[in-house]
Structure formats: structure tokens, C-alpha cells
Amino acid sequence: MRQLALALLLERPVWFAPLVTHMRPLERIAEAFSIAENYADGVGKLVVGQPSSR
């Protein structure tokens, strides 16, 4: 089931994009946890990803 869900996410990312309200790069993980823990800034779903390229 997990593989099927992942395949669907990869195949149709536009369906799920509205669910993600915040994104943070991995190097800002402490900030991401603080936002999620405190439901700050209207967070719904927060995604932590690869380091930013900036």
C-alpha cells in the first residue's frame, strides 16, 4: 500500500500540492519543528526537504 501511495504522489503531485502549506529545507529543521509544534503561521502540512540551493 505504501508503494502505491508513493507512486500516486509522484505521478500526480498537482493533486496534493494544495495540502502542503509550508516547506523548509533540511538545514532549517528546528524552525520547521517549532512551526509544526505550535501550529504557527497557519501551518497545515509542512514538508522538510533537501538543503536549499541558496
C-alpha atoms as a PDB file:
ATOM      1  CA  MET A   1       0.000   0.000   0.000  1.00  0.00           C
ATOM      2  CA  ARG A   2       2.840   2.385   0.848  1.00  0.00           C
ATOM      3  CA  GLN A   3       4.400   1.942  -2.606  1.00  0.00           C
ATOM      4  CA  LEU A   4       1.051   2.610  -4.256  1.00  0.00           C
ATOM      5  CA  ALA A   5       0.618   5.846  -2.282  1.00  0.00           C
ATOM      6  CA  LEU A   6       4.135   6.974  -3.172  1.00  0.00           C
ATOM      7  CA  ALA A   7       3.544   6.189  -6.842  1.00  0.00           C
ATOM      8  CA  LEU A   8       0.374   8.276  -6.792  1.00  0.00           C
ATOM      9  CA  LEU A   9       2.193  11.194  -5.151  1.00  0.00           C
ATOM     10  CA  LEU A  10       4.924  11.060  -7.772  1.00  0.00           C
ATOM     11  CA  GLU A  11       2.506  10.628 -10.668  1.00  0.00           C
ATOM     12  CA  ARG A  12       0.057  13.385  -9.672  1.00  0.00           C
ATOM     13  CA  PRO A  13       1.837  15.950  -7.466  1.00  0.00           C
ATOM     14  CA  VAL A  14      -0.577  18.691  -8.508  1.00  0.00           C
ATOM     15  CA  TRP A  15      -3.389  16.861  -6.707  1.00  0.00           C
ATOM     16  CA  PHE A  16      -1.548  17.056  -3.414  1.00  0.00           C
ATOM     17  CA  ALA A  17       0.204  20.433  -3.664  1.00  0.00           C
ATOM     18  CA  PRO A  18      -2.702  22.356  -2.072  1.00  0.00           C
ATOM     19  CA  LEU A  19      -2.325  20.226   1.059  1.00  0.00           C
ATOM     20  CA  VAL A  20       1.225  21.485   1.690  1.00  0.00           C
ATOM     21  CA  THR A  21       1.143  24.891   3.340  1.00  0.00           C
ATOM     22  CA  HIS A  22       4.812  25.246   4.291  1.00  0.00           C
ATOM     23  CA  MET A  23       8.195  23.959   3.126  1.00  0.00           C
ATOM     24  CA  ARG A  24      11.565  24.231   4.847  1.00  0.00           C
ATOM     25  CA  PRO A  25      14.990  22.984   3.785  1.00  0.00           C
ATOM     26  CA  LEU A  26      16.655  20.347   5.928  1.00  0.00           C
ATOM     27  CA  GLU A  27      19.112  22.837   7.422  1.00  0.00           C
ATOM     28  CA  ARG A  28      16.111  24.680   8.965  1.00  0.00           C
ATOM     29  CA  ILE A  29      14.594  21.605  10.616  1.00  0.00           C
ATOM     30  CA  ALA A  30      14.490  23.186  14.089  1.00  0.00           C
ATOM     31  CA  GLU A  31      12.376  26.021  12.701  1.00  0.00           C
ATOM     32  CA  ALA A  32      10.142  23.520  10.925  1.00  0.00           C
ATOM     33  CA  PHE A  33       9.504  21.577  14.138  1.00  0.00           C
ATOM     34  CA  SER A  34       8.763  24.785  16.031  1.00  0.00           C
ATOM     35  CA  ILE A  35       6.239  25.892  13.408  1.00  0.00           C
ATOM     36  CA  ALA A  36       4.536  22.500  13.376  1.00  0.00           C
ATOM     37  CA  GLU A  37       4.536  22.083  17.166  1.00  0.00           C
ATOM     38  CA  ASN A  38       2.976  25.487  17.758  1.00  0.00           C
ATOM     39  CA  TYR A  39       0.680  25.458  14.723  1.00  0.00           C
ATOM     40  CA  ALA A  40       2.320  28.773  13.859  1.00  0.00           C
ATOM     41  CA  ASP A  41       1.747  30.804  10.719  1.00  0.00           C
ATOM     42  CA  GLY A  42      -1.388  28.870   9.779  1.00  0.00           C
ATOM     43  CA  VAL A  43       0.548  25.665   9.152  1.00  0.00           C
ATOM     44  CA  GLY A  44      -1.404  22.743   7.751  1.00  0.00           C
ATOM     45  CA  LYS A  45       1.147  20.336   6.325  1.00  0.00           C
ATOM     46  CA  LEU A  46       4.840  21.133   6.473  1.00  0.00           C
ATOM     47  CA  VAL A  47       7.400  19.413   4.265  1.00  0.00           C
ATOM     48  CA  VAL A  48      11.075  19.280   5.192  1.00  0.00           C
ATOM     49  CA  GLY A  49      13.250  18.689   2.149  1.00  0.00           C
ATOM     50  CA  GLN A  50      16.754  18.846   0.842  1.00  0.00           C
ATOM     51  CA  PRO A  51      19.029  21.792   1.682  1.00  0.00           C
ATOM     52  CA  SER A  52      18.221  24.956  -0.202  1.00  0.00           C
ATOM     53  CA  SER A  53      20.415  25.826  -3.151  1.00  0.00           C
ATOM     54  CA  ARG A  54      20.811  29.423  -1.966  1.00  0.00           C
END
